[in-house]
Amino acid sequence: MADTPTEIIMYARERFCPDVARSRAHLTNLDIAWTEYDVEADDAAGAEVERLTGGRSVPTLVIGERILVEPSRTSLDDALIAAGYDLDE
């Protein structure tokens, strides 16, 4: 992994969502840390994800300059690699 990889922010919710669960599990399996904000419990987080995307779809991930809405594993991996994460470790 890069010395100082890009911070990852995930806008999600606690109530079950399969897309959120998939993104959390994938980042956990890769041993990558992220900061998470609950769009349902935190009005500021909800407003920020609306500003970024025009809606409240979860998960919304911010990785560097990339904003991913309900990303597939492939698009999440592409964004991680572009941000300096080594997924081969």
N, C-alpha and C. Protein backbone atom coordinates (compact mmCIF):
# COMPACT_ATOMS: atom_id res chain seq x y z
N MET A 1 0.85 -1.18 0.00
CA MET A 1 0.00 0.00 0.00
C MET A 1 0.89 1.23 0.00
N ALA A 2 0.42 2.30 -0.57
CA ALA A 2 1.17 3.55 -0.62
C ALA A 2 1.41 4.06 0.79
N ASP A 3 2.46 4.91 0.96
CA ASP A 3 2.78 5.44 2.28
C ASP A 3 1.65 6.28 2.85
N THR A 4 1.06 7.12 2.04
CA THR A 4 -0.04 7.97 2.51
C THR A 4 -1.20 7.89 1.51
N PRO A 5 -1.93 6.77 1.56
CA PRO A 5 -3.04 6.66 0.60
C PRO A 5 -4.14 7.68 0.87
N THR A 6 -4.92 7.91 -0.14
CA THR A 6 -6.02 8.85 -0.08
C THR A 6 -7.06 8.39 0.94
N GLU A 7 -7.60 9.33 1.69
CA GLU A 7 -8.66 9.03 2.64
C GLU A 7 -9.91 8.56 1.90
N ILE A 8 -10.62 7.64 2.52
CA ILE A 8 -11.87 7.14 1.97
C ILE A 8 -13.01 7.56 2.90
N ILE A 9 -14.03 8.15 2.32
CA ILE A 9 -15.23 8.52 3.07
C ILE A 9 -16.40 7.76 2.46
N MET A 10 -17.17 7.11 3.33
CA MET A 10 -18.36 6.40 2.88
C MET A 10 -19.59 7.01 3.55
N TYR A 11 -20.55 7.39 2.72
CA TYR A 11 -21.85 7.83 3.21
C TYR A 11 -22.76 6.61 3.10
N ALA A 12 -23.32 6.21 4.23
CA ALA A 12 -24.08 4.97 4.29
C ALA A 12 -25.26 5.13 5.25
N ARG A 13 -25.75 4.02 5.73
CA ARG A 13 -26.79 4.02 6.76
C ARG A 13 -26.65 2.77 7.59
N GLU A 14 -27.17 2.80 8.80
CA GLU A 14 -27.11 1.62 9.66
C GLU A 14 -28.14 0.58 9.25
N ARG A 15 -29.32 1.03 8.82
CA ARG A 15 -30.35 0.11 8.37
C ARG A 15 -29.78 -0.71 7.22
N PHE A 16 -30.08 -2.01 7.20
CA PHE A 16 -29.44 -2.89 6.22
C PHE A 16 -29.66 -2.44 4.79
N CYS A 17 -28.57 -2.48 4.05
CA CYS A 17 -28.57 -2.23 2.61
C CYS A 17 -27.52 -3.17 2.02
N PRO A 18 -27.89 -4.01 1.06
CA PRO A 18 -26.92 -4.96 0.52
C PRO A 18 -25.72 -4.29 -0.15
N ASP A 19 -25.92 -3.13 -0.78
CA ASP A 19 -24.81 -2.44 -1.43
C ASP A 19 -23.83 -1.89 -0.39
N VAL A 20 -24.36 -1.36 0.71
CA VAL A 20 -23.50 -0.87 1.79
C VAL A 20 -22.74 -2.05 2.40
N ALA A 21 -23.43 -3.14 2.66
CA ALA A 21 -22.79 -4.32 3.25
C ALA A 21 -21.66 -4.83 2.35
N ARG A 22 -21.90 -4.84 1.05
CA ARG A 22 -20.88 -5.31 0.10
C ARG A 22 -19.64 -4.42 0.11
N SER A 23 -19.85 -3.10 0.11
CA SER A 23 -18.70 -2.18 0.13
C SER A 23 -17.95 -2.26 1.45
N ARG A 24 -18.66 -2.32 2.57
CA ARG A 24 -18.00 -2.46 3.88
C ARG A 24 -17.18 -3.75 3.92
N ALA A 25 -17.78 -4.85 3.49
CA ALA A 25 -17.08 -6.14 3.54
C ALA A 25 -15.84 -6.12 2.65
N HIS A 26 -15.95 -5.53 1.48
CA HIS A 26 -14.81 -5.50 0.55
C HIS A 26 -13.66 -4.68 1.14
N LEU A 27 -13.96 -3.50 1.67
CA LEU A 27 -12.90 -2.68 2.29
C LEU A 27 -12.30 -3.39 3.50
N THR A 28 -13.13 -4.04 4.29
CA THR A 28 -12.65 -4.78 5.46
C THR A 28 -11.73 -5.92 5.03
N ASN A 29 -12.15 -6.68 4.01
CA ASN A 29 -11.33 -7.79 3.52
C ASN A 29 -9.99 -7.32 2.97
N LEU A 30 -9.96 -6.11 2.43
CA LEU A 30 -8.71 -5.54 1.91
C LEU A 30 -7.89 -4.88 3.01
N ASP A 31 -8.43 -4.83 4.23
CA ASP A 31 -7.78 -4.19 5.38
C ASP A 31 -7.53 -2.71 5.11
N ILE A 32 -8.54 -2.05 4.54
CA ILE A 32 -8.47 -0.63 4.23
C ILE A 32 -9.42 0.11 5.16
N ALA A 33 -8.91 1.13 5.81
CA ALA A 33 -9.72 1.94 6.73
C ALA A 33 -10.50 3.00 5.97
N TRP A 34 -11.65 3.37 6.51
CA TRP A 34 -12.45 4.42 5.93
C TRP A 34 -13.20 5.14 7.05
N THR A 35 -13.66 6.33 6.73
CA THR A 35 -14.51 7.10 7.64
C THR A 35 -15.92 6.99 7.11
N GLU A 36 -16.87 6.70 8.01
CA GLU A 36 -18.24 6.49 7.57
C GLU A 36 -19.19 7.46 8.25
N TYR A 37 -20.12 7.99 7.47
CA TYR A 37 -21.16 8.89 7.97
C TYR A 37 -22.52 8.30 7.62
N ASP A 38 -23.43 8.33 8.59
CA ASP A 38 -24.77 7.79 8.42
C ASP A 38 -25.69 8.90 7.92
N VAL A 39 -26.17 8.77 6.69
CA VAL A 39 -26.99 9.83 6.09
C VAL A 39 -28.37 9.94 6.73
N GLU A 40 -28.81 8.90 7.44
CA GLU A 40 -30.11 8.94 8.09
C GLU A 40 -30.03 9.54 9.49
N ALA A 41 -28.89 9.38 10.16
CA ALA A 41 -28.74 9.87 11.53
C ALA A 41 -28.04 11.22 11.61
N ASP A 42 -27.34 11.60 10.56
CA ASP A 42 -26.53 12.82 10.56
C ASP A 42 -27.01 13.73 9.43
N ASP A 43 -27.74 14.79 9.80
CA ASP A 43 -28.29 15.69 8.79
C ASP A 43 -27.22 16.31 7.90
N ALA A 44 -26.07 16.64 8.48
CA ALA A 44 -24.99 17.24 7.69
C ALA A 44 -24.46 16.24 6.66
N ALA A 45 -24.35 14.97 7.06
CA ALA A 45 -23.89 13.93 6.13
C ALA A 45 -24.90 13.75 5.00
N GLY A 46 -26.17 13.76 5.35
CA GLY A 46 -27.20 13.65 4.33
C GLY A 46 -27.16 14.81 3.34
N ALA A 47 -26.97 16.00 3.88
CA ALA A 47 -26.88 17.18 3.02
C ALA A 47 -25.65 17.12 2.12
N GLU A 48 -24.54 16.63 2.67
CA GLU A 48 -23.30 16.55 1.88
C GLU A 48 -23.44 15.54 0.74
N VAL A 49 -24.00 14.39 1.01
CA VAL A 49 -24.15 13.40 -0.07
C VAL A 49 -25.15 13.92 -1.12
N GLU A 50 -26.15 14.66 -0.71
CA GLU A 50 -27.06 15.28 -1.68
C GLU A 50 -26.32 16.32 -2.53
N ARG A 51 -25.44 17.10 -1.91
CA ARG A 51 -24.66 18.09 -2.63
C ARG A 51 -23.75 17.40 -3.66
N LEU A 52 -23.16 16.29 -3.25
CA LEU A 52 -22.22 15.58 -4.13
C LEU A 52 -22.91 14.86 -5.28
N THR A 53 -24.11 14.33 -5.01
CA THR A 53 -24.73 13.42 -5.99
C THR A 53 -26.12 13.83 -6.46
N GLY A 54 -26.74 14.75 -5.76
CA GLY A 54 -28.11 15.11 -6.11
C GLY A 54 -29.15 14.22 -5.47
N GLY A 55 -28.73 13.25 -4.66
CA GLY A 55 -29.66 12.34 -3.98
C GLY A 55 -29.03 11.78 -2.73
N ARG A 56 -29.66 10.77 -2.18
CA ARG A 56 -29.15 10.12 -0.97
C ARG A 56 -28.89 8.64 -1.18
N SER A 57 -28.45 8.26 -2.34
CA SER A 57 -28.14 6.86 -2.60
C SER A 57 -26.96 6.42 -1.75
N VAL A 58 -27.08 5.22 -1.19
CA VAL A 58 -25.99 4.66 -0.40
C VAL A 58 -25.62 3.29 -0.94
N PRO A 59 -24.34 2.95 -0.84
CA PRO A 59 -23.28 3.80 -0.35
C PRO A 59 -22.83 4.79 -1.41
N THR A 60 -22.41 5.93 -0.94
CA THR A 60 -21.68 6.89 -1.77
C THR A 60 -20.30 6.98 -1.15
N LEU A 61 -19.28 6.71 -1.96
CA LEU A 61 -17.90 6.76 -1.48
C LEU A 61 -17.16 7.89 -2.16
N VAL A 62 -16.35 8.58 -1.38
CA VAL A 62 -15.47 9.62 -1.91
C VAL A 62 -14.05 9.12 -1.70
N ILE A 63 -13.36 8.91 -2.81
CA ILE A 63 -11.98 8.43 -2.79
C ILE A 63 -11.18 9.38 -3.67
N GLY A 64 -10.44 10.26 -3.03
CA GLY A 64 -9.73 11.28 -3.79
C GLY A 64 -10.73 12.17 -4.50
N GLU A 65 -10.56 12.31 -5.79
CA GLU A 65 -11.46 13.14 -6.61
C GLU A 65 -12.67 12.36 -7.11
N ARG A 66 -12.69 11.06 -6.85
CA ARG A 66 -13.77 10.22 -7.38
C ARG A 66 -14.93 10.13 -6.40
N ILE A 67 -16.12 10.20 -6.95
CA ILE A 67 -17.35 10.01 -6.18
C ILE A 67 -18.04 8.79 -6.79
N LEU A 68 -18.20 7.76 -5.98
CA LEU A 68 -18.79 6.51 -6.44
C LEU A 68 -20.15 6.32 -5.77
N VAL A 69 -21.17 6.08 -6.55
CA VAL A 69 -22.51 5.85 -6.02
C VAL A 69 -22.88 4.39 -6.29
N GLU A 70 -23.14 3.66 -5.20
CA GLU A 70 -23.47 2.23 -5.30
C GLU A 70 -22.48 1.52 -6.22
N PRO A 71 -21.18 1.62 -5.93
CA PRO A 71 -20.19 1.09 -6.86
C PRO A 71 -20.16 -0.43 -6.93
N SER A 72 -19.83 -0.92 -8.11
CA SER A 72 -19.54 -2.35 -8.26
C SER A 72 -18.17 -2.60 -7.64
N ARG A 73 -17.85 -3.84 -7.41
CA ARG A 73 -16.53 -4.17 -6.86
C ARG A 73 -15.43 -3.70 -7.81
N THR A 74 -15.64 -3.86 -9.10
CA THR A 74 -14.63 -3.44 -10.08
C THR A 74 -14.40 -1.94 -10.04
N SER A 75 -15.47 -1.14 -10.01
CA SER A 75 -15.27 0.31 -9.98
C SER A 75 -14.67 0.76 -8.66
N LEU A 76 -15.01 0.08 -7.56
CA LEU A 76 -14.40 0.39 -6.27
C LEU A 76 -12.91 0.07 -6.31
N ASP A 77 -12.56 -1.09 -6.84
CA ASP A 77 -11.14 -1.46 -6.96
C ASP A 77 -10.38 -0.47 -7.85
N ASP A 78 -10.97 -0.07 -8.95
CA ASP A 78 -10.32 0.90 -9.84
C ASP A 78 -10.03 2.21 -9.12
N ALA A 79 -11.00 2.69 -8.34
CA ALA A 79 -10.82 3.93 -7.59
C ALA A 79 -9.75 3.77 -6.51
N LEU A 80 -9.73 2.63 -5.85
CA LEU A 80 -8.72 2.38 -4.82
C LEU A 80 -7.32 2.36 -5.41
N ILE A 81 -7.16 1.69 -6.53
CA ILE A 81 -5.85 1.62 -7.20
C ILE A 81 -5.42 3.02 -7.63
N ALA A 82 -6.34 3.80 -8.21
CA ALA A 82 -6.01 5.15 -8.65
C ALA A 82 -5.63 6.03 -7.47
N ALA A 83 -6.14 5.72 -6.28
CA ALA A 83 -5.84 6.50 -5.08
C ALA A 83 -4.56 6.05 -4.39
N GLY A 84 -3.91 5.03 -4.92
CA GLY A 84 -2.63 4.60 -4.36
C GLY A 84 -2.66 3.36 -3.52
N TYR A 85 -3.78 2.67 -3.47
CA TYR A 85 -3.86 1.43 -2.70
C TYR A 85 -3.36 0.27 -3.55
N ASP A 86 -2.59 -0.62 -2.93
CA ASP A 86 -2.09 -1.82 -3.60
C ASP A 86 -2.99 -2.96 -3.18
N LEU A 87 -3.80 -3.45 -4.08
CA LEU A 87 -4.77 -4.49 -3.75
C LEU A 87 -4.19 -5.89 -3.84
N ASP A 88 -2.93 -6.02 -4.26
CA ASP A 88 -2.31 -7.32 -4.42
C ASP A 88 -1.67 -7.84 -3.15
N GLU A 89 -1.63 -7.03 -2.10
CA GLU A 89 -0.97 -7.48 -0.87
C GLU A 89 -1.80 -8.49 -0.14
